Amino acid sequence: DADGQWYRSHGNENWEFAPNGLMRRRYASVNDV
């Protein structure tokens, strides 16, 4: 962050794609340490 505190963010994403290869849905769960 702007104060110089470092974080590691962990998570999972679920992606769903349209037939043309573009992502139509992205659901991300994230935790910061």
Full PDB file with SEQRES, HELIX, SHEET, SSBOND, CRYST1, ORIGX, SCALE, CONECT and MASTER records, all heavy atoms in Angstrom:
SEQRES   1 A   33  ASP ALA ASP GLY GLN TRP TYR ARG SER HIS GLY ASN GLU          
SEQRES   2 A   33  ASN TRP GLU PHE ALA PRO ASN GLY LEU MET ARG ARG ARG          
SEQRES   3 A   33  TYR ALA SER VAL ASN ASP VAL                                  
SHEET    1 AA1 2 SER A   9  PHE A  17  0                                        
SHEET    2 AA1 2 MET A  23  ASP A  32 -1                                        
CRYST1    1.000    1.000    1.000  90.00  90.00  90.00 P 1           1          
ORIGX1      1.000000  0.000000  0.000000        0.00000                         
ORIGX2      0.000000  1.000000  0.000000        0.00000                         
ORIGX3      0.000000  0.000000  1.000000        0.00000                         
SCALE1      1.000000  0.000000  0.000000        0.00000                         
SCALE2      0.000000  1.000000  0.000000        0.00000                         
SCALE3      0.000000  0.000000  1.000000        0.00000                         
ATOM      1  N   ASP A   1       0.846  -1.193   0.000  1.00  0.00           N  
ATOM      2  CA  ASP A   1       0.000   0.000   0.000  1.00  0.00           C  
ATOM      3  C   ASP A   1       0.883   1.245   0.000  1.00  0.00           C  
ATOM      4  O   ASP A   1       2.120   1.154  -0.032  1.00  0.00           O  
ATOM      5  CB  ASP A   1      -0.988  -0.034   1.173  1.00  0.00           C  
ATOM      6  CG  ASP A   1      -0.327  -0.012   2.542  1.00  0.00           C  
ATOM      7  OD1 ASP A   1       0.876   0.368   2.661  1.00  0.00           O  
ATOM      8  OD2 ASP A   1      -1.013  -0.366   3.519  1.00  0.00           O  
ATOM      9  N   ALA A   2       0.257   2.407   0.038  1.00  0.00           N  
ATOM     10  CA  ALA A   2       0.982   3.680  -0.032  1.00  0.00           C  
ATOM     11  C   ALA A   2       1.898   3.884   1.176  1.00  0.00           C  
ATOM     12  O   ALA A   2       2.866   4.645   1.091  1.00  0.00           O  
ATOM     13  CB  ALA A   2      -0.008   4.840  -0.141  1.00  0.00           C  
ATOM     14  N   ASP A   3       1.617   3.200   2.283  1.00  0.00           N  
ATOM     15  CA  ASP A   3       2.461   3.303   3.475  1.00  0.00           C  
ATOM     16  C   ASP A   3       3.618   2.310   3.459  1.00  0.00           C  
ATOM     17  O   ASP A   3       4.407   2.274   4.393  1.00  0.00           O  
ATOM     18  CB  ASP A   3       1.619   3.084   4.740  1.00  0.00           C  
ATOM     19  CG  ASP A   3       0.579   4.175   4.930  1.00  0.00           C  
ATOM     20  OD1 ASP A   3       0.855   5.341   4.556  1.00  0.00           O  
ATOM     21  OD2 ASP A   3      -0.510   3.858   5.441  1.00  0.00           O  
ATOM     22  N   GLY A   4       3.689   1.466   2.438  1.00  0.00           N  
ATOM     23  CA  GLY A   4       4.784   0.504   2.332  1.00  0.00           C  
ATOM     24  C   GLY A   4       4.505  -0.855   2.960  1.00  0.00           C  
ATOM     25  O   GLY A   4       5.382  -1.710   2.968  1.00  0.00           O  
ATOM     26  N   GLN A   5       3.297  -1.068   3.493  1.00  0.00           N  
ATOM     27  CA  GLN A   5       2.948  -2.372   4.060  1.00  0.00           C  
ATOM     28  C   GLN A   5       2.706  -3.367   2.936  1.00  0.00           C  
ATOM     29  O   GLN A   5       1.900  -3.118   2.052  1.00  0.00           O  
ATOM     30  CB  GLN A   5       1.699  -2.275   4.934  1.00  0.00           C  
ATOM     31  CG  GLN A   5       1.157  -3.618   5.420  1.00  0.00           C  
ATOM     32  CD  GLN A   5       2.137  -4.401   6.281  1.00  0.00           C  
ATOM     33  OE1 GLN A   5       2.567  -3.908   7.317  1.00  0.00           O  
ATOM     34  NE2 GLN A   5       2.499  -5.607   5.852  1.00  0.00           N  
ATOM     35  N   TRP A   6       3.413  -4.493   2.975  1.00  0.00           N  
ATOM     36  CA  TRP A   6       3.264  -5.548   1.978  1.00  0.00           C  
ATOM     37  C   TRP A   6       2.145  -6.494   2.354  1.00  0.00           C  
ATOM     38  O   TRP A   6       1.887  -6.726   3.538  1.00  0.00           O  
ATOM     39  CB  TRP A   6       4.566  -6.333   1.818  1.00  0.00           C  
ATOM     40  CG  TRP A   6       5.555  -5.590   0.988  1.00  0.00           C  
ATOM     41  CD1 TRP A   6       6.548  -4.756   1.426  1.00  0.00           C  
ATOM     42  CD2 TRP A   6       5.630  -5.581  -0.432  1.00  0.00           C  
ATOM     43  NE1 TRP A   6       7.233  -4.233   0.362  1.00  0.00           N  
ATOM     44  CE2 TRP A   6       6.698  -4.732  -0.792  1.00  0.00           C  
ATOM     45  CE3 TRP A   6       4.908  -6.217  -1.447  1.00  0.00           C  
ATOM     46  CZ2 TRP A   6       7.055  -4.498  -2.123  1.00  0.00           C  
ATOM     47  CZ3 TRP A   6       5.257  -5.986  -2.761  1.00  0.00           C  
ATOM     48  CH2 TRP A   6       6.323  -5.139  -3.083  1.00  0.00           C  
ATOM     49  N   TYR A   7       1.496  -7.054   1.326  1.00  0.00           N  
ATOM     50  CA  TYR A   7       0.425  -8.035   1.502  1.00  0.00           C  
ATOM     51  C   TYR A   7       0.608  -9.162   0.495  1.00  0.00           C  
ATOM     52  O   TYR A   7       1.106  -8.938  -0.612  1.00  0.00           O  
ATOM     53  CB  TYR A   7      -0.953  -7.406   1.247  1.00  0.00           C  
ATOM     54  CG  TYR A   7      -1.309  -6.354   2.253  1.00  0.00           C  
ATOM     55  CD1 TYR A   7      -0.961  -5.021   2.037  1.00  0.00           C  
ATOM     56  CD2 TYR A   7      -1.976  -6.685   3.428  1.00  0.00           C  
ATOM     57  CE1 TYR A   7      -1.267  -4.052   2.969  1.00  0.00           C  
ATOM     58  CE2 TYR A   7      -2.294  -5.721   4.356  1.00  0.00           C  
ATOM     59  CZ  TYR A   7      -1.931  -4.406   4.131  1.00  0.00           C  
ATOM     60  OH  TYR A   7      -2.237  -3.444   5.056  1.00  0.00           O  
ATOM     61  N   ARG A   8       0.183 -10.336   0.904  1.00  0.00           N  
ATOM     62  CA  ARG A   8       0.016 -11.452  -0.027  1.00  0.00           C  
ATOM     63  C   ARG A   8      -1.476 -11.738  -0.059  1.00  0.00           C  
ATOM     64  O   ARG A   8      -2.090 -11.985   0.980  1.00  0.00           O  
ATOM     65  CB  ARG A   8       0.789 -12.681   0.414  1.00  0.00           C  
ATOM     66  CG  ARG A   8       0.684 -13.828  -0.601  1.00  0.00           C  
ATOM     67  CD  ARG A   8       1.594 -15.007  -0.270  1.00  0.00           C  
ATOM     68  NE  ARG A   8       2.995 -14.592  -0.256  1.00  0.00           N  
ATOM     69  CZ  ARG A   8       3.792 -14.702   0.826  1.00  0.00           C  
ATOM     70  NH1 ARG A   8       3.345 -15.222   1.947  1.00  0.00           N  
ATOM     71  NH2 ARG A   8       5.045 -14.302   0.748  1.00  0.00           N  
ATOM     72  N   SER A   9      -2.044 -11.701  -1.229  1.00  0.00           N  
ATOM     73  CA  SER A   9      -3.472 -11.951  -1.411  1.00  0.00           C  
ATOM     74  C   SER A   9      -3.629 -13.323  -2.055  1.00  0.00           C  
ATOM     75  O   SER A   9      -3.004 -13.602  -3.078  1.00  0.00           O  
ATOM     76  CB  SER A   9      -4.096 -10.870  -2.288  1.00  0.00           C  
ATOM     77  OG  SER A   9      -3.919  -9.600  -1.693  1.00  0.00           O  
ATOM     78  N   HIS A  10      -4.443 -14.165  -1.427  1.00  0.00           N  
ATOM     79  CA  HIS A  10      -4.683 -15.531  -1.900  1.00  0.00           C  
ATOM     80  C   HIS A  10      -6.125 -15.638  -2.343  1.00  0.00           C  
ATOM     81  O   HIS A  10      -6.996 -15.005  -1.764  1.00  0.00           O  
ATOM     82  CB  HIS A  10      -4.514 -16.550  -0.757  1.00  0.00           C  
ATOM     83  CG  HIS A  10      -3.199 -16.522  -0.103  1.00  0.00           C  
ATOM     84  ND1 HIS A  10      -2.187 -17.371  -0.462  1.00  0.00           N  
ATOM     85  CD2 HIS A  10      -2.711 -15.756   0.905  1.00  0.00           C  
ATOM     86  CE1 HIS A  10      -1.147 -17.134   0.302  1.00  0.00           C  
ATOM     87  NE2 HIS A  10      -1.438 -16.167   1.131  1.00  0.00           N  
ATOM     88  N   GLY A  11      -6.382 -16.498  -3.314  1.00  0.00           N  
ATOM     89  CA  GLY A  11      -7.773 -16.677  -3.677  1.00  0.00           C  
ATOM     90  C   GLY A  11      -8.003 -17.707  -4.754  1.00  0.00           C  
ATOM     91  O   GLY A  11      -7.088 -18.399  -5.208  1.00  0.00           O  
ATOM     92  N   ASN A  12      -9.279 -17.775  -5.112  1.00  0.00           N  
ATOM     93  CA  ASN A  12      -9.756 -18.677  -6.155  1.00  0.00           C  
ATOM     94  C   ASN A  12     -10.643 -17.880  -7.091  1.00  0.00           C  
ATOM     95  O   ASN A  12     -11.345 -16.972  -6.666  1.00  0.00           O  
ATOM     96  CB  ASN A  12     -10.574 -19.824  -5.544  1.00  0.00           C  
ATOM     97  CG  ASN A  12      -9.744 -20.624  -4.584  1.00  0.00           C  
ATOM     98  OD1 ASN A  12      -8.803 -21.285  -4.974  1.00  0.00           O  
ATOM     99  ND2 ASN A  12     -10.078 -20.540  -3.307  1.00  0.00           N  
ATOM    100  N   GLU A  13     -10.590 -18.253  -8.362  1.00  0.00           N  
ATOM    101  CA  GLU A  13     -11.461 -17.642  -9.363  1.00  0.00           C  
ATOM    102  C   GLU A  13     -12.168 -18.747 -10.132  1.00  0.00           C  
ATOM    103  O   GLU A  13     -11.560 -19.779 -10.437  1.00  0.00           O  
ATOM    104  CB  GLU A  13     -10.662 -16.806 -10.367  1.00  0.00           C  
ATOM    105  CG  GLU A  13     -10.034 -15.582  -9.786  1.00  0.00           C  
ATOM    106  CD  GLU A  13      -9.203 -14.834 -10.810  1.00  0.00           C  
ATOM    107  OE1 GLU A  13      -8.658 -15.451 -11.758  1.00  0.00           O  
ATOM    108  OE2 GLU A  13      -9.098 -13.616 -10.671  1.00  0.00           O  
ATOM    109  N   ASN A  14     -13.413 -18.492 -10.447  1.00  0.00           N  
ATOM    110  CA  ASN A  14     -14.177 -19.360 -11.327  1.00  0.00           C  
ATOM    111  C   ASN A  14     -14.497 -18.559 -12.576  1.00  0.00           C  
ATOM    112  O   ASN A  14     -15.039 -17.458 -12.483  1.00  0.00           O  
ATOM    113  CB  ASN A  14     -15.463 -19.825 -10.645  1.00  0.00           C  
ATOM    114  CG  ASN A  14     -15.159 -20.675  -9.435  1.00  0.00           C  
ATOM    115  OD1 ASN A  14     -14.347 -21.577  -9.501  1.00  0.00           O  
ATOM    116  ND2 ASN A  14     -15.805 -20.370  -8.320  1.00  0.00           N  
ATOM    117  N   TRP A  15     -14.125 -19.105 -13.727  1.00  0.00           N  
ATOM    118  CA  TRP A  15     -14.302 -18.422 -14.999  1.00  0.00           C  
ATOM    119  C   TRP A  15     -15.261 -19.210 -15.881  1.00  0.00           C  
ATOM    120  O   TRP A  15     -15.160 -20.433 -15.974  1.00  0.00           O  
ATOM    121  CB  TRP A  15     -12.987 -18.317 -15.750  1.00  0.00           C  
ATOM    122  CG  TRP A  15     -11.862 -17.614 -15.066  1.00  0.00           C  
ATOM    123  CD1 TRP A  15     -11.905 -16.762 -14.009  1.00  0.00           C  
ATOM    124  CD2 TRP A  15     -10.481 -17.716 -15.428  1.00  0.00           C  
ATOM    125  NE1 TRP A  15     -10.655 -16.314 -13.697  1.00  0.00           N  
ATOM    126  CE2 TRP A  15      -9.752 -16.889 -14.545  1.00  0.00           C  
ATOM    127  CE3 TRP A  15      -9.798 -18.417 -16.411  1.00  0.00           C  
ATOM    128  CZ2 TRP A  15      -8.367 -16.747 -14.622  1.00  0.00           C  
ATOM    129  CZ3 TRP A  15      -8.423 -18.280 -16.487  1.00  0.00           C  
ATOM    130  CH2 TRP A  15      -7.717 -17.444 -15.605  1.00  0.00           C  
ATOM    131  N   GLU A  16     -16.133 -18.498 -16.592  1.00  0.00           N  
ATOM    132  CA  GLU A  16     -16.973 -19.108 -17.616  1.00  0.00           C  
ATOM    133  C   GLU A  16     -16.766 -18.336 -18.908  1.00  0.00           C  
ATOM    134  O   GLU A  16     -16.785 -17.100 -18.903  1.00  0.00           O  
ATOM    135  CB  GLU A  16     -18.444 -19.067 -17.213  1.00  0.00           C  
ATOM    136  CG  GLU A  16     -19.340 -19.726 -18.245  1.00  0.00           C  
ATOM    137  CD  GLU A  16     -20.794 -19.654 -17.849  1.00  0.00           C  
ATOM    138  OE1 GLU A  16     -21.322 -18.516 -17.796  1.00  0.00           O  
ATOM    139  OE2 GLU A  16     -21.381 -20.707 -17.601  1.00  0.00           O  
ATOM    140  N   PHE A  17     -16.600 -19.067 -20.016  1.00  0.00           N  
ATOM    141  CA  PHE A  17     -16.259 -18.455 -21.293  1.00  0.00           C  
ATOM    142  C   PHE A  17     -17.379 -18.557 -22.310  1.00  0.00           C  
ATOM    143  O   PHE A  17     -18.108 -19.543 -22.361  1.00  0.00           O  
ATOM    144  CB  PHE A  17     -15.003 -19.119 -21.874  1.00  0.00           C  
ATOM    145  CG  PHE A  17     -13.776 -18.811 -21.080  1.00  0.00           C  
ATOM    146  CD1 PHE A  17     -13.441 -19.582 -19.989  1.00  0.00           C  
ATOM    147  CD2 PHE A  17     -12.982 -17.733 -21.406  1.00  0.00           C  
ATOM    148  CE1 PHE A  17     -12.316 -19.294 -19.226  1.00  0.00           C  
ATOM    149  CE2 PHE A  17     -11.860 -17.427 -20.653  1.00  0.00           C  
ATOM    150  CZ  PHE A  17     -11.526 -18.214 -19.557  1.00  0.00           C  
ATOM    151  N   ALA A  18     -17.474 -17.539 -23.141  1.00  0.00           N  
ATOM    152  CA  ALA A  18     -18.358 -17.547 -24.302  1.00  0.00           C  
ATOM    153  C   ALA A  18     -17.688 -18.391 -25.388  1.00  0.00           C  
ATOM    154  O   ALA A  18     -16.474 -18.635 -25.334  1.00  0.00           O  
ATOM    155  CB  ALA A  18     -18.576 -16.112 -24.792  1.00  0.00           C  
ATOM    156  N   PRO A  19     -18.440 -18.819 -26.396  1.00  0.00           N  
ATOM    157  CA  PRO A  19     -17.854 -19.628 -27.474  1.00  0.00           C  
ATOM    158  C   PRO A  19     -16.677 -18.966 -28.194  1.00  0.00           C  
ATOM    159  O   PRO A  19     -15.816 -19.651 -28.739  1.00  0.00           O  
ATOM    160  CB  PRO A  19     -19.027 -19.850 -28.431  1.00  0.00           C  
ATOM    161  CG  PRO A  19     -20.238 -19.763 -27.562  1.00  0.00           C  
ATOM    162  CD  PRO A  19     -19.901 -18.713 -26.528  1.00  0.00           C  
ATOM    163  N   ASN A  20     -16.609 -17.623 -28.176  1.00  0.00           N  
ATOM    164  CA  ASN A  20     -15.519 -16.916 -28.858  1.00  0.00           C  
ATOM    165  C   ASN A  20     -14.248 -16.808 -28.011  1.00  0.00           C  
ATOM    166  O   ASN A  20     -13.280 -16.183 -28.425  1.00  0.00           O  
ATOM    167  CB  ASN A  20     -15.973 -15.528 -29.308  1.00  0.00           C  
ATOM    168  CG  ASN A  20     -16.316 -14.617 -28.150  1.00  0.00           C  
ATOM    169  OD1 ASN A  20     -16.289 -15.011 -26.991  1.00  0.00           O  
ATOM    170  ND2 ASN A  20     -16.655 -13.379 -28.470  1.00  0.00           N  
ATOM    171  N   GLY A  21     -14.240 -17.407 -26.807  1.00  0.00           N  
ATOM    172  CA  GLY A  21     -13.051 -17.407 -25.966  1.00  0.00           C  
ATOM    173  C   GLY A  21     -12.958 -16.253 -25.000  1.00  0.00           C  
ATOM    174  O   GLY A  21     -12.031 -16.192 -24.190  1.00  0.00           O  
ATOM    175  N   LEU A  22     -13.902 -15.308 -25.047  1.00  0.00           N  
ATOM    176  CA  LEU A  22     -13.915 -14.215 -24.081  1.00  0.00           C  
ATOM    177  C   LEU A  22     -14.608 -14.683 -22.804  1.00  0.00           C  
ATOM    178  O   LEU A  22     -15.548 -15.476 -22.840  1.00  0.00           O  
ATOM    179  CB  LEU A  22     -14.631 -12.991 -24.651  1.00  0.00           C  
ATOM    180  CG  LEU A  22     -13.958 -12.329 -25.850  1.00  0.00           C  
ATOM    181  CD1 LEU A  22     -14.818 -11.190 -26.379  1.00  0.00           C  
ATOM    182  CD2 LEU A  22     -12.565 -11.844 -25.495  1.00  0.00           C  
ATOM    183  N   MET A  23     -14.149 -14.169 -21.673  1.00  0.00           N  
ATOM    184  CA  MET A  23     -14.713 -14.562 -20.389  1.00  0.00           C  
ATOM    185  C   MET A  23     -16.014 -13.804 -20.143  1.00  0.00           C  
ATOM    186  O   MET A  23     -16.039 -12.584 -20.167  1.00  0.00           O  
ATOM    187  CB  MET A  23     -13.712 -14.279 -19.270  1.00  0.00           C  
ATOM    188  CG  MET A  23     -14.033 -14.981 -17.973  1.00  0.00           C  
ATOM    189  SD  MET A  23     -12.845 -14.626 -16.648  1.00  0.00           S  
ATOM    190  CE  MET A  23     -11.291 -15.086 -17.388  1.00  0.00           C  
ATOM    191  N   ARG A  24     -17.093 -14.548 -19.905  1.00  0.00           N  
ATOM    192  CA  ARG A  24     -18.374 -13.882 -19.651  1.00  0.00           C  
ATOM    193  C   ARG A  24     -18.702 -13.796 -18.174  1.00  0.00           C  
ATOM    194  O   ARG A  24     -19.538 -12.987 -17.781  1.00  0.00           O  
ATOM    195  CB  ARG A  24     -19.488 -14.531 -20.447  1.00  0.00           C  
ATOM    196  CG  ARG A  24     -19.828 -15.932 -20.093  1.00  0.00           C  
ATOM    197  CD  ARG A  24     -21.035 -16.404 -20.888  1.00  0.00           C  
ATOM    198  NE  ARG A  24     -21.005 -17.835 -21.041  1.00  0.00           N  
ATOM    199  CZ  ARG A  24     -21.478 -18.478 -22.086  1.00  0.00           C  
ATOM    200  NH1 ARG A  24     -22.029 -17.830 -23.083  1.00  0.00           N  
ATOM    201  NH2 ARG A  24     -21.415 -19.778 -22.136  1.00  0.00           N  
ATOM    202  N   ARG A  25     -18.055 -14.622 -17.361  1.00  0.00           N  
ATOM    203  CA  ARG A  25     -18.256 -14.537 -15.906  1.00  0.00           C  
ATOM    204  C   ARG A  25     -16.933 -14.780 -15.205  1.00  0.00           C  
ATOM    205  O   ARG A  25     -16.182 -15.684 -15.576  1.00  0.00           O  
ATOM    206  CB  ARG A  25     -19.268 -15.572 -15.432  1.00  0.00           C  
ATOM    207  CG  ARG A  25     -20.665 -15.277 -15.868  1.00  0.00           C  
ATOM    208  CD  ARG A  25     -21.674 -16.155 -15.123  1.00  0.00           C  
ATOM    209  NE  ARG A  25     -23.002 -15.873 -15.616  1.00  0.00           N  
ATOM    210  CZ  ARG A  25     -23.631 -16.625 -16.520  1.00  0.00           C  
ATOM    211  NH1 ARG A  25     -23.066 -17.708 -17.005  1.00  0.00           N  
ATOM    212  NH2 ARG A  25     -24.836 -16.290 -16.919  1.00  0.00           N  
ATOM    213  N   ARG A  26     -16.676 -13.971 -14.161  1.00  0.00           N  
ATOM    214  CA  ARG A  26     -15.484 -14.126 -13.324  1.00  0.00           C  
ATOM    215  C   ARG A  26     -15.920 -13.901 -11.885  1.00  0.00           C  
ATOM    216  O   ARG A  26     -16.378 -12.822 -11.529  1.00  0.00           O  
ATOM    217  CB  ARG A  26     -14.413 -13.103 -13.704  1.00  0.00           C  
ATOM    218  CG  ARG A  26     -13.204 -13.138 -12.776  1.00  0.00           C  
ATOM    219  CD  ARG A  26     -12.261 -11.973 -13.075  1.00  0.00           C  
ATOM    220  NE  ARG A  26     -11.202 -11.915 -12.098  1.00  0.00           N  
ATOM    221  CZ  ARG A  26     -11.246 -11.195 -10.990  1.00  0.00           C  
ATOM    222  NH1 ARG A  26     -12.294 -10.445 -10.699  1.00  0.00           N  
ATOM    223  NH2 ARG A  26     -10.230 -11.202 -10.161  1.00  0.00           N  
ATOM    224  N   TYR A  27     -15.765 -14.930 -11.076  1.00  0.00           N  
ATOM    225  CA  TYR A  27     -16.114 -14.842  -9.657  1.00  0.00           C  
ATOM    226  C   TYR A  27     -14.851 -15.100  -8.853  1.00  0.00           C  
ATOM    227  O   TYR A  27     -14.272 -16.188  -8.938  1.00  0.00           O  
ATOM    228  CB  TYR A  27     -17.204 -15.850  -9.292  1.00  0.00           C  
ATOM    229  CG  TYR A  27     -18.472 -15.649 -10.092  1.00  0.00           C  
ATOM    230  CD1 TYR A  27     -18.949 -16.629 -10.942  1.00  0.00           C  
ATOM    231  CD2 TYR A  27     -19.173 -14.447 -10.022  1.00  0.00           C  
ATOM    232  CE1 TYR A  27     -20.105 -16.442 -11.683  1.00  0.00           C  
ATOM    233  CE2 TYR A  27     -20.325 -14.247 -10.764  1.00  0.00           C  
ATOM    234  CZ  TYR A  27     -20.784 -15.247 -11.590  1.00  0.00           C  
ATOM    235  OH  TYR A  27     -21.920 -15.050 -12.334  1.00  0.00           O  
ATOM    236  N   ALA A  28     -14.409 -14.093  -8.079  1.00  0.00           N  
ATOM    237  CA  ALA A  28     -13.159 -14.192  -7.334  1.00  0.00           C  
ATOM    238  C   ALA A  28     -13.399 -14.028  -5.841  1.00  0.00           C  
ATOM    239  O   ALA A  28     -14.096 -13.109  -5.413  1.00  0.00           O  
ATOM    240  CB  ALA A  28     -12.177 -13.124  -7.811  1.00  0.00           C  
ATOM    241  N   SER A  29     -12.814 -14.939  -5.080  1.00  0.00           N  
ATOM    242  CA  SER A  29     -12.783 -14.848  -3.622  1.00  0.00           C  
ATOM    243  C   SER A  29     -11.333 -14.614  -3.228  1.00  0.00           C  
ATOM    244  O   SER A  29     -10.442 -15.340  -3.691  1.00  0.00           O  
ATOM    245  CB  SER A  29     -13.293 -16.148  -2.990  1.00  0.00           C  
ATOM    246  OG  SER A  29     -14.628 -16.374  -3.363  1.00  0.00           O  
ATOM    247  N   VAL A  30     -11.098 -13.600  -2.392  1.00  0.00           N  
ATOM    248  CA  VAL A  30      -9.736 -13.174  -2.101  1.00  0.00           C  
ATOM    249  C   VAL A  30      -9.585 -12.893  -0.608  1.00  0.00           C  
ATOM    250  O   VAL A  30     -10.472 -12.290   0.007  1.00  0.00           O  
ATOM    251  CB  VAL A  30      -9.382 -11.882  -2.881  1.00  0.00           C  
ATOM    252  CG1 VAL A  30      -7.910 -11.536  -2.715  1.00  0.00           C  
ATOM    253  CG2 VAL A  30      -9.755 -11.985  -4.346  1.00  0.00           C  
ATOM    254  N   ASN A  31      -8.447 -13.298  -0.051  1.00  0.00           N  
ATOM    255  CA  ASN A  31      -8.076 -12.981   1.334  1.00  0.00           C  
ATOM    256  C   ASN A  31      -6.693 -12.352   1.322  1.00  0.00           C  
ATOM    257  O   ASN A  31      -5.813 -12.799   0.586  1.00  0.00           O  
ATOM    258  CB  ASN A  31      -8.041 -14.255   2.190  1.00  0.00           C  
ATOM    259  CG  ASN A  31      -9.394 -14.904   2.275  1.00  0.00           C  
ATOM    260  OD1 ASN A  31     -10.332 -14.329   2.771  1.00  0.00           O  
ATOM    261  ND2 ASN A  31      -9.494 -16.115   1.749  1.00  0.00           N  
ATOM    262  N   ASP A  32      -6.494 -11.343   2.159  1.00  0.00           N  
ATOM    263  CA  ASP A  32      -5.214 -10.642   2.252  1.00  0.00           C  
ATOM    264  C   ASP A  32      -4.528 -10.979   3.572  1.00  0.00           C  
ATOM    265  O   ASP A  32      -5.178 -11.032   4.617  1.00  0.00           O  
ATOM    266  CB  ASP A  32      -5.416  -9.130   2.203  1.00  0.00           C  
ATOM    267  CG  ASP A  32      -6.121  -8.680   0.942  1.00  0.00           C  
ATOM    268  OD1 ASP A  32      -5.764  -9.172  -0.140  1.00  0.00           O  
ATOM    269  OD2 ASP A  32      -7.023  -7.840   1.042  1.00  0.00           O  
ATOM    270  N   VAL A  33      -3.201 -11.159   3.500  1.00  0.00           N  
ATOM    271  CA  VAL A  33      -2.395 -11.409   4.687  1.00  0.00           C  
ATOM    272  C   VAL A  33      -1.244 -10.410   4.664  1.00  0.00           C  
ATOM    273  O   VAL A  33      -0.523 -10.321   3.654  1.00  0.00           O  
ATOM    274  CB  VAL A  33      -1.829 -12.852   4.679  1.00  0.00           C  
ATOM    275  CG1 VAL A  33      -0.930 -13.089   5.878  1.00  0.00           C  
ATOM    276  CG2 VAL A  33      -2.952 -13.875   4.619  1.00  0.00           C  
TER     277      VAL A  33                                                      
MASTER        0    0    0    0    2    0    0    6  276    1    0    3          
END                                                                             
